């Protein structure tokens, strides 16, 4: 599993998804359509070999393992997310 194969947009989408942000909010934050977010996440999950349930939890664990500082917190959708600076 490698993060080098992810585009910058896929990586950004993955980071936001790993934080527990709903797809519709990710689309708004990234300025893309919901369909684009779903496509990015499908590609991310495929490239990282995440094929079964709890995909976002596994994604957060992989991102933390790959880049351990700072840990990715999990937000519930009612909280306002803090955009990443990457």
PDB file of N, CA and C in Angstrom:
ATOM      1  N   UNK A   1       0.851  -1.170   0.000  1.00  0.00           N
ATOM      2  CA  UNK A   1       0.000   0.000   0.000  1.00  0.00           C
ATOM      3  C   UNK A   1       0.891   1.225   0.000  1.00  0.00           C
ATOM      4  N   UNK A   2       0.590   2.151  -0.894  1.00  0.00           N
ATOM      5  CA  UNK A   2       1.421   3.338  -1.001  1.00  0.00           C
ATOM      6  C   UNK A   2       0.571   4.580  -1.204  1.00  0.00           C
ATOM      7  N   UNK A   3       0.994   5.624  -0.573  1.00  0.00           N
ATOM      8  CA  UNK A   3       0.292   6.895  -0.722  1.00  0.00           C
ATOM      9  C   UNK A   3       0.860   7.691  -1.895  1.00  0.00           C
ATOM     10  N   UNK A   4       1.982   7.243  -2.438  1.00  0.00           N
ATOM     11  CA  UNK A   4       2.609   7.937  -3.563  1.00  0.00           C
ATOM     12  C   UNK A   4       1.742   7.911  -4.819  1.00  0.00           C
ATOM     13  N   UNK A   5       0.893   6.915  -4.921  1.00  0.00           N
ATOM     14  CA  UNK A   5       0.039   6.790  -6.108  1.00  0.00           C
ATOM     15  C   UNK A   5      -1.182   7.702  -6.057  1.00  0.00           C
ATOM     16  N   UNK A   6      -1.451   8.317  -4.899  1.00  0.00           N
ATOM     17  CA  UNK A   6      -2.610   9.208  -4.774  1.00  0.00           C
ATOM     18  C   UNK A   6      -2.278  10.588  -5.331  1.00  0.00           C
ATOM     19  N   UNK A   7      -3.243  11.170  -6.022  1.00  0.00           N
ATOM     20  CA  UNK A   7      -3.077  12.554  -6.445  1.00  0.00           C
ATOM     21  C   UNK A   7      -3.278  13.453  -5.228  1.00  0.00           C
ATOM     22  N   UNK A   8      -2.919  14.711  -5.360  1.00  0.00           N
ATOM     23  CA  UNK A   8      -3.106  15.655  -4.253  1.00  0.00           C
ATOM     24  C   UNK A   8      -4.578  15.761  -3.876  1.00  0.00           C
ATOM     25  N   UNK A   9      -5.461  15.759  -4.872  1.00  0.00           N
ATOM     26  CA  UNK A   9      -6.899  15.857  -4.601  1.00  0.00           C
ATOM     27  C   UNK A   9      -7.417  14.599  -3.919  1.00  0.00           C
ATOM     28  N   UNK A  10      -6.946  13.440  -4.350  1.00  0.00           N
ATOM     29  CA  UNK A  10      -7.354  12.190  -3.704  1.00  0.00           C
ATOM     30  C   UNK A  10      -6.870  12.157  -2.262  1.00  0.00           C
ATOM     31  N   UNK A  11      -5.654  12.610  -2.029  1.00  0.00           N
ATOM     32  CA  UNK A  11      -5.100  12.638  -0.672  1.00  0.00           C
ATOM     33  C   UNK A  11      -5.918  13.569   0.220  1.00  0.00           C
ATOM     34  N   UNK A  12      -6.257  14.744  -0.292  1.00  0.00           N
ATOM     35  CA  UNK A  12      -7.056  15.719   0.463  1.00  0.00           C
ATOM     36  C   UNK A  12      -8.420  15.129   0.801  1.00  0.00           C
ATOM     37  N   UNK A  13      -9.037  14.509  -0.176  1.00  0.00           N
ATOM     38  CA  UNK A  13     -10.345  13.881   0.012  1.00  0.00           C
ATOM     39  C   UNK A  13     -10.243  12.778   1.069  1.00  0.00           C
ATOM     40  N   UNK A  14      -9.184  11.983   0.999  1.00  0.00           N
ATOM     41  CA  UNK A  14      -8.969  10.893   1.959  1.00  0.00           C
ATOM     42  C   UNK A  14      -8.791  11.442   3.372  1.00  0.00           C
ATOM     43  N   UNK A  15      -8.020  12.513   3.509  1.00  0.00           N
ATOM     44  CA  UNK A  15      -7.796  13.104   4.828  1.00  0.00           C
ATOM     45  C   UNK A  15      -9.101  13.616   5.430  1.00  0.00           C
ATOM     46  N   UNK A  16      -9.910  14.270   4.616  1.00  0.00           N
ATOM     47  CA  UNK A  16     -11.190  14.788   5.111  1.00  0.00           C
ATOM     48  C   UNK A  16     -12.137  13.644   5.473  1.00  0.00           C
ATOM     49  N   UNK A  17     -12.176  12.613   4.627  1.00  0.00           N
ATOM     50  CA  UNK A  17     -13.031  11.449   4.903  1.00  0.00           C
ATOM     51  C   UNK A  17     -12.595  10.744   6.179  1.00  0.00           C
ATOM     52  N   UNK A  18     -11.289  10.652   6.385  1.00  0.00           N
ATOM     53  CA  UNK A  18     -10.765   9.996   7.576  1.00  0.00           C
ATOM     54  C   UNK A  18     -11.131  10.757   8.847  1.00  0.00           C
ATOM     55  N   UNK A  19     -11.384  12.035   8.719  1.00  0.00           N
ATOM     56  CA  UNK A  19     -11.807  12.851   9.859  1.00  0.00           C
ATOM     57  C   UNK A  19     -13.296  12.681  10.158  1.00  0.00           C
ATOM     58  N   UNK A  20     -13.993  11.910   9.331  1.00  0.00           N
ATOM     59  CA  UNK A  20     -15.409  11.662   9.563  1.00  0.00           C
ATOM     60  C   UNK A  20     -16.323  12.683   8.915  1.00  0.00           C
ATOM     61  N   UNK A  21     -15.780  13.500   8.036  1.00  0.00           N
ATOM     62  CA  UNK A  21     -16.583  14.524   7.366  1.00  0.00           C
ATOM     63  C   UNK A  21     -17.405  13.856   6.263  1.00  0.00           C
ATOM     64  N   UNK A  22     -18.701  14.119   6.215  1.00  0.00           N
ATOM     65  CA  UNK A  22     -19.558  13.507   5.194  1.00  0.00           C
ATOM     66  C   UNK A  22     -19.146  13.932   3.779  1.00  0.00           C
ATOM     67  N   UNK A  23     -19.429  13.071   2.820  1.00  0.00           N
ATOM     68  CA  UNK A  23     -19.066  13.335   1.431  1.00  0.00           C
ATOM     69  C   UNK A  23     -19.592  14.668   0.922  1.00  0.00           C
ATOM     70  N   UNK A  24     -20.818  15.015   1.297  1.00  0.00           N
ATOM     71  CA  UNK A  24     -21.400  16.276   0.808  1.00  0.00           C
ATOM     72  C   UNK A  24     -20.607  17.485   1.315  1.00  0.00           C
ATOM     73  N   UNK A  25     -20.129  17.405   2.560  1.00  0.00           N
ATOM     74  CA  UNK A  25     -19.323  18.499   3.108  1.00  0.00           C
ATOM     75  C   UNK A  25     -17.928  18.520   2.488  1.00  0.00           C
ATOM     76  N   UNK A  26     -17.390  17.349   2.191  1.00  0.00           N
ATOM     77  CA  UNK A  26     -16.091  17.279   1.518  1.00  0.00           C
ATOM     78  C   UNK A  26     -16.203  17.956   0.149  1.00  0.00           C
ATOM     79  N   UNK A  27     -17.282  17.659  -0.559  1.00  0.00           N
ATOM     80  CA  UNK A  27     -17.493  18.274  -1.870  1.00  0.00           C
ATOM     81  C   UNK A  27     -17.528  19.788  -1.762  1.00  0.00           C
ATOM     82  N   UNK A  28     -18.235  20.286  -0.768  1.00  0.00           N
ATOM     83  CA  UNK A  28     -18.331  21.733  -0.571  1.00  0.00           C
ATOM     84  C   UNK A  28     -16.967  22.334  -0.228  1.00  0.00           C
ATOM     85  N   UNK A  29     -16.236  21.694   0.682  1.00  0.00           N
ATOM     86  CA  UNK A  29     -14.915  22.186   1.075  1.00  0.00           C
ATOM     87  C   UNK A  29     -13.920  22.193  -0.085  1.00  0.00           C
ATOM     88  N   UNK A  30     -14.012  21.176  -0.927  1.00  0.00           N
ATOM     89  CA  UNK A  30     -13.070  21.054  -2.036  1.00  0.00           C
ATOM     90  C   UNK A  30     -13.528  21.776  -3.293  1.00  0.00           C
ATOM     91  N   UNK A  31     -14.783  22.224  -3.298  1.00  0.00           N
ATOM     92  CA  UNK A  31     -15.306  22.922  -4.467  1.00  0.00           C
ATOM     93  C   UNK A  31     -15.533  22.011  -5.661  1.00  0.00           C
ATOM     94  N   UNK A  32     -15.939  20.774  -5.370  1.00  0.00           N
ATOM     95  CA  UNK A  32     -16.226  19.803  -6.430  1.00  0.00           C
ATOM     96  C   UNK A  32     -17.611  19.212  -6.211  1.00  0.00           C
ATOM     97  N   UNK A  33     -18.060  18.423  -7.160  1.00  0.00           N
ATOM     98  CA  UNK A  33     -19.364  17.767  -7.041  1.00  0.00           C
ATOM     99  C   UNK A  33     -19.250  16.530  -6.150  1.00  0.00           C
ATOM    100  N   UNK A  34     -20.370  16.156  -5.562  1.00  0.00           N
ATOM    101  CA  UNK A  34     -20.441  14.971  -4.713  1.00  0.00           C
ATOM    102  C   UNK A  34     -19.948  13.736  -5.472  1.00  0.00           C
ATOM    103  N   UNK A  35     -20.305  13.657  -6.717  1.00  0.00           N
ATOM    104  CA  UNK A  35     -19.900  12.531  -7.561  1.00  0.00           C
ATOM    105  C   UNK A  35     -18.367  12.410  -7.652  1.00  0.00           C
ATOM    106  N   UNK A  36     -17.698  13.560  -7.711  1.00  0.00           N
ATOM    107  CA  UNK A  36     -16.237  13.584  -7.779  1.00  0.00           C
ATOM    108  C   UNK A  36     -15.635  13.056  -6.479  1.00  0.00           C
ATOM    109  N   UNK A  37     -16.212  13.443  -5.351  1.00  0.00           N
ATOM    110  CA  UNK A  37     -15.738  12.965  -4.052  1.00  0.00           C
ATOM    111  C   UNK A  37     -15.879  11.446  -3.987  1.00  0.00           C
ATOM    112  N   UNK A  38     -17.019  10.936  -4.388  1.00  0.00           N
ATOM    113  CA  UNK A  38     -17.237   9.488  -4.361  1.00  0.00           C
ATOM    114  C   UNK A  38     -16.237   8.766  -5.259  1.00  0.00           C
ATOM    115  N   UNK A  39     -15.933   9.341  -6.415  1.00  0.00           N
ATOM    116  CA  UNK A  39     -14.958   8.739  -7.332  1.00  0.00           C
ATOM    117  C   UNK A  39     -13.557   8.760  -6.718  1.00  0.00           C
ATOM    118  N   UNK A  40     -13.187   9.888  -6.110  1.00  0.00           N
ATOM    119  CA  UNK A  40     -11.880   9.985  -5.455  1.00  0.00           C
ATOM    120  C   UNK A  40     -11.751   8.941  -4.353  1.00  0.00           C
ATOM    121  N   UNK A  41     -12.770   8.829  -3.516  1.00  0.00           N
ATOM    122  CA  UNK A  41     -12.715   7.875  -2.408  1.00  0.00           C
ATOM    123  C   UNK A  41     -12.689   6.428  -2.901  1.00  0.00           C
ATOM    124  N   UNK A  42     -13.436   6.132  -3.935  1.00  0.00           N
ATOM    125  CA  UNK A  42     -13.419   4.777  -4.493  1.00  0.00           C
ATOM    126  C   UNK A  42     -12.011   4.430  -4.974  1.00  0.00           C
ATOM    127  N   UNK A  43     -11.359   5.379  -5.627  1.00  0.00           N
ATOM    128  CA  UNK A  43      -9.995   5.161  -6.122  1.00  0.00           C
ATOM    129  C   UNK A  43      -9.012   5.011  -4.949  1.00  0.00           C
ATOM    130  N   UNK A  44      -9.166   5.858  -3.930  1.00  0.00           N
ATOM    131  CA  UNK A  44      -8.301   5.792  -2.745  1.00  0.00           C
ATOM    132  C   UNK A  44      -8.426   4.427  -2.075  1.00  0.00           C
ATOM    133  N   UNK A  45      -9.666   3.989  -1.840  1.00  0.00           N
ATOM    134  CA  UNK A  45      -9.881   2.703  -1.185  1.00  0.00           C
ATOM    135  C   UNK A  45      -9.297   1.563  -2.016  1.00  0.00           C
ATOM    136  N   UNK A  46      -9.463   1.632  -3.332  1.00  0.00           N
ATOM    137  CA  UNK A  46      -8.922   0.589  -4.210  1.00  0.00           C
ATOM    138  C   UNK A  46      -7.397   0.570  -4.166  1.00  0.00           C
ATOM    139  N   UNK A  47      -6.772   1.743  -4.277  1.00  0.00           N
ATOM    140  CA  UNK A  47      -5.307   1.816  -4.264  1.00  0.00           C
ATOM    141  C   UNK A  47      -4.708   1.365  -2.938  1.00  0.00           C
ATOM    142  N   UNK A  48      -5.416   1.625  -1.852  1.00  0.00           N
ATOM    143  CA  UNK A  48      -4.901   1.262  -0.536  1.00  0.00           C
ATOM    144  C   UNK A  48      -5.345  -0.123  -0.075  1.00  0.00           C
ATOM    145  N   UNK A  49      -6.125  -0.807  -0.904  1.00  0.00           N
ATOM    146  CA  UNK A  49      -6.544  -2.167  -0.577  1.00  0.00           C
ATOM    147  C   UNK A  49      -7.587  -2.246   0.524  1.00  0.00           C
ATOM    148  N   UNK A  50      -8.413  -1.219   0.628  1.00  0.00           N
ATOM    149  CA  UNK A  50      -9.484  -1.200   1.633  1.00  0.00           C
ATOM    150  C   UNK A  50     -10.773  -1.592   0.914  1.00  0.00           C
ATOM    151  N   UNK A  51     -11.236  -2.812   1.176  1.00  0.00           N
ATOM    152  CA  UNK A  51     -12.366  -3.331   0.402  1.00  0.00           C
ATOM    153  C   UNK A  51     -13.585  -3.708   1.226  1.00  0.00           C
ATOM    154  N   UNK A  52     -13.473  -3.714   2.544  1.00  0.00           N
ATOM    155  CA  UNK A  52     -14.616  -4.162   3.330  1.00  0.00           C
ATOM    156  C   UNK A  52     -15.121  -3.039   4.229  1.00  0.00           C
ATOM    157  N   UNK A  53     -15.942  -3.375   5.214  1.00  0.00           N
ATOM    158  CA  UNK A  53     -16.584  -2.392   6.076  1.00  0.00           C
ATOM    159  C   UNK A  53     -15.617  -1.514   6.864  1.00  0.00           C
ATOM    160  N   UNK A  54     -16.150  -0.464   7.439  1.00  0.00           N
ATOM    161  CA  UNK A  54     -15.388   0.487   8.258  1.00  0.00           C
ATOM    162  C   UNK A  54     -14.239   1.112   7.473  1.00  0.00           C
ATOM    163  N   UNK A  55     -14.514   1.472   6.226  1.00  0.00           N
ATOM    164  CA  UNK A  55     -13.472   1.991   5.343  1.00  0.00           C
ATOM    165  C   UNK A  55     -12.826   3.264   5.884  1.00  0.00           C
ATOM    166  N   UNK A  56     -13.634   4.179   6.413  1.00  0.00           N
ATOM    167  CA  UNK A  56     -13.072   5.448   6.887  1.00  0.00           C
ATOM    168  C   UNK A  56     -12.199   5.250   8.126  1.00  0.00           C
ATOM    169  N   UNK A  57     -12.574   4.320   8.972  1.00  0.00           N
ATOM    170  CA  UNK A  57     -11.758   4.021  10.153  1.00  0.00           C
ATOM    171  C   UNK A  57     -10.421   3.438   9.732  1.00  0.00           C
ATOM    172  N   UNK A  58     -10.456   2.512   8.792  1.00  0.00           N
ATOM    173  CA  UNK A  58      -9.218   1.912   8.288  1.00  0.00           C
ATOM    174  C   UNK A  58      -8.371   2.955   7.573  1.00  0.00           C
ATOM    175  N   UNK A  59      -9.010   3.853   6.851  1.00  0.00           N
ATOM    176  CA  UNK A  59      -8.298   4.921   6.164  1.00  0.00           C
ATOM    177  C   UNK A  59      -7.595   5.829   7.166  1.00  0.00           C
ATOM    178  N   UNK A  60      -8.284   6.202   8.240  1.00  0.00           N
ATOM    179  CA  UNK A  60      -7.683   7.046   9.283  1.00  0.00           C
ATOM    180  C   UNK A  60      -6.475   6.343   9.903  1.00  0.00           C
ATOM    181  N   UNK A  61      -6.601   5.055  10.171  1.00  0.00           N
ATOM    182  CA  UNK A  61      -5.485   4.305  10.759  1.00  0.00           C
ATOM    183  C   UNK A  61      -4.291   4.272   9.814  1.00  0.00           C
ATOM    184  N   UNK A  62      -4.545   4.063   8.522  1.00  0.00           N
ATOM    185  CA  UNK A  62      -3.457   4.033   7.550  1.00  0.00           C
ATOM    186  C   UNK A  62      -2.787   5.392   7.411  1.00  0.00           C
ATOM    187  N   UNK A  63      -3.577   6.448   7.402  1.00  0.00           N
ATOM    188  CA  UNK A  63      -3.009   7.788   7.295  1.00  0.00           C
ATOM    189  C   UNK A  63      -2.180   8.122   8.525  1.00  0.00           C
ATOM    190  N   UNK A  64      -2.657   7.745   9.695  1.00  0.00           N
ATOM    191  CA  UNK A  64      -1.897   7.980  10.929  1.00  0.00           C
ATOM    192  C   UNK A  64      -0.603   7.168  10.938  1.00  0.00           C
ATOM    193  N   UNK A  65      -0.663   5.966  10.410  1.00  0.00           N
ATOM    194  CA  UNK A  65       0.521   5.116  10.352  1.00  0.00           C
ATOM    195  C   UNK A  65       1.548   5.690   9.374  1.00  0.00           C
ATOM    196  N   UNK A  66       1.061   6.210   8.261  1.00  0.00           N
ATOM    197  CA  UNK A  66       1.940   6.750   7.221  1.00  0.00           C
ATOM    198  C   UNK A  66       2.562   8.078   7.635  1.00  0.00           C
ATOM    199  N   UNK A  67       1.772   8.933   8.283  1.00  0.00           N
ATOM    200  CA  UNK A  67       2.211  10.266   8.691  1.00  0.00           C
ATOM    201  C   UNK A  67       1.716  10.486  10.114  1.00  0.00           C
ATOM    202  N   UNK A  68       2.430   9.944  11.113  1.00  0.00           N
ATOM    203  CA  UNK A  68       1.909   9.871  12.471  1.00  0.00           C
ATOM    204  C   UNK A  68       1.680  11.183  13.209  1.00  0.00           C
ATOM    205  N   UNK A  69       2.190  12.281  12.756  1.00  0.00           N
ATOM    206  CA  UNK A  69       1.983  13.533  13.494  1.00  0.00           C
ATOM    207  C   UNK A  69       1.324  14.564  12.599  1.00  0.00           C
ATOM    208  N   UNK A  70       0.276  15.178  12.975  1.00  0.00           N
ATOM    209  CA  UNK A  70      -0.554  14.910  14.143  1.00  0.00           C
ATOM    210  C   UNK A  70      -1.582  13.833  13.833  1.00  0.00           C
ATOM    211  N   UNK A  71      -2.121  13.145  14.839  1.00  0.00           N
ATOM    212  CA  UNK A  71      -3.146  12.124  14.602  1.00  0.00           C
ATOM    213  C   UNK A  71      -4.403  12.749  14.015  1.00  0.00           C
ATOM    214  N   UNK A  72      -5.107  11.970  13.240  1.00  0.00           N
ATOM    215  CA  UNK A  72      -6.338  12.448  12.622  1.00  0.00           C
ATOM    216  C   UNK A  72      -7.489  12.238  13.593  1.00  0.00           C
ATOM    217  N   UNK A  73      -8.069  13.323  14.103  1.00  0.00           N
ATOM    218  CA  UNK A  73      -9.217  13.173  14.998  1.00  0.00           C
ATOM    219  C   UNK A  73     -10.473  12.835  14.192  1.00  0.00           C
ATOM    220  N   UNK A  74     -11.441  12.273  14.846  1.00  0.00           N
ATOM    221  CA  UNK A  74     -12.707  11.956  14.188  1.00  0.00           C
ATOM    222  C   UNK A  74     -13.740  12.982  14.635  1.00  0.00           C
ATOM    223  N   UNK A  75     -14.402  13.593  13.668  1.00  0.00           N
ATOM    224  CA  UNK A  75     -15.433  14.576  13.937  1.00  0.00           C
ATOM    225  C   UNK A  75     -16.786  13.999  13.587  1.00  0.00           C
ATOM    226  N   UNK A  76     -17.797  14.408  14.311  1.00  0.00           N
ATOM    227  CA  UNK A  76     -19.142  14.081  13.882  1.00  0.00           C
ATOM    228  C   UNK A  76     -19.584  15.193  12.954  1.00  0.00           C
ATOM    229  N   UNK A  77     -20.509  14.909  12.061  1.00  0.00           N
ATOM    230  CA  UNK A  77     -20.847  15.852  10.997  1.00  0.00           C
ATOM    231  C   UNK A  77     -21.403  17.179  11.501  1.00  0.00           C
ATOM    232  N   UNK A  78     -21.923  17.239  12.714  1.00  0.00           N
ATOM    233  CA  UNK A  78     -22.474  18.489  13.217  1.00  0.00           C
ATOM    234  C   UNK A  78     -21.382  19.467  13.652  1.00  0.00           C
ATOM    235  N   UNK A  79     -20.151  18.968  13.807  1.00  0.00           N
ATOM    236  CA  UNK A  79     -19.048  19.850  14.150  1.00  0.00           C
ATOM    237  C   UNK A  79     -18.480  20.479  12.890  1.00  0.00           C
ATOM    238  N   UNK A  80     -18.003  21.701  13.005  1.00  0.00           N
ATOM    239  CA  UNK A  80     -17.409  22.377  11.871  1.00  0.00           C
ATOM    240  C   UNK A  80     -15.968  21.891  11.721  1.00  0.00           C
ATOM    241  N   UNK A  81     -15.627  21.298  10.573  1.00  0.00           N
ATOM    242  CA  UNK A  81     -14.267  20.779  10.390  1.00  0.00           C
ATOM    243  C   UNK A  81     -13.251  21.902  10.217  1.00  0.00           C
ATOM    244  N   UNK A  82     -12.039  21.610  10.584  1.00  0.00           N
ATOM    245  CA  UNK A  82     -10.939  22.546  10.363  1.00  0.00           C
ATOM    246  C   UNK A  82     -10.225  22.090   9.107  1.00  0.00           C
ATOM    247  N   UNK A  83     -10.232  22.900   8.045  1.00  0.00           N
ATOM    248  CA  UNK A  83      -9.563  22.475   6.806  1.00  0.00           C
ATOM    249  C   UNK A  83      -8.077  22.239   7.032  1.00  0.00           C
ATOM    250  N   UNK A  84      -7.534  21.215   6.383  1.00  0.00           N
ATOM    251  CA  UNK A  84      -6.117  20.906   6.489  1.00  0.00           C
ATOM    252  C   UNK A  84      -5.324  21.873   5.625  1.00  0.00           C
ATOM    253  N   UNK A  85      -4.103  22.124   5.986  1.00  0.00           N
ATOM    254  CA  UNK A  85      -3.259  23.051   5.250  1.00  0.00           C
ATOM    255  C   UNK A  85      -2.393  22.380   4.209  1.00  0.00           C
ATOM    256  N   UNK A  86      -2.412  21.046   4.135  1.00  0.00           N
ATOM    257  CA  UNK A  86      -1.557  20.307   3.194  1.00  0.00           C
ATOM    258  C   UNK A  86      -1.915  20.630   1.782  1.00  0.00           C
TER     259      UNK A  86
END
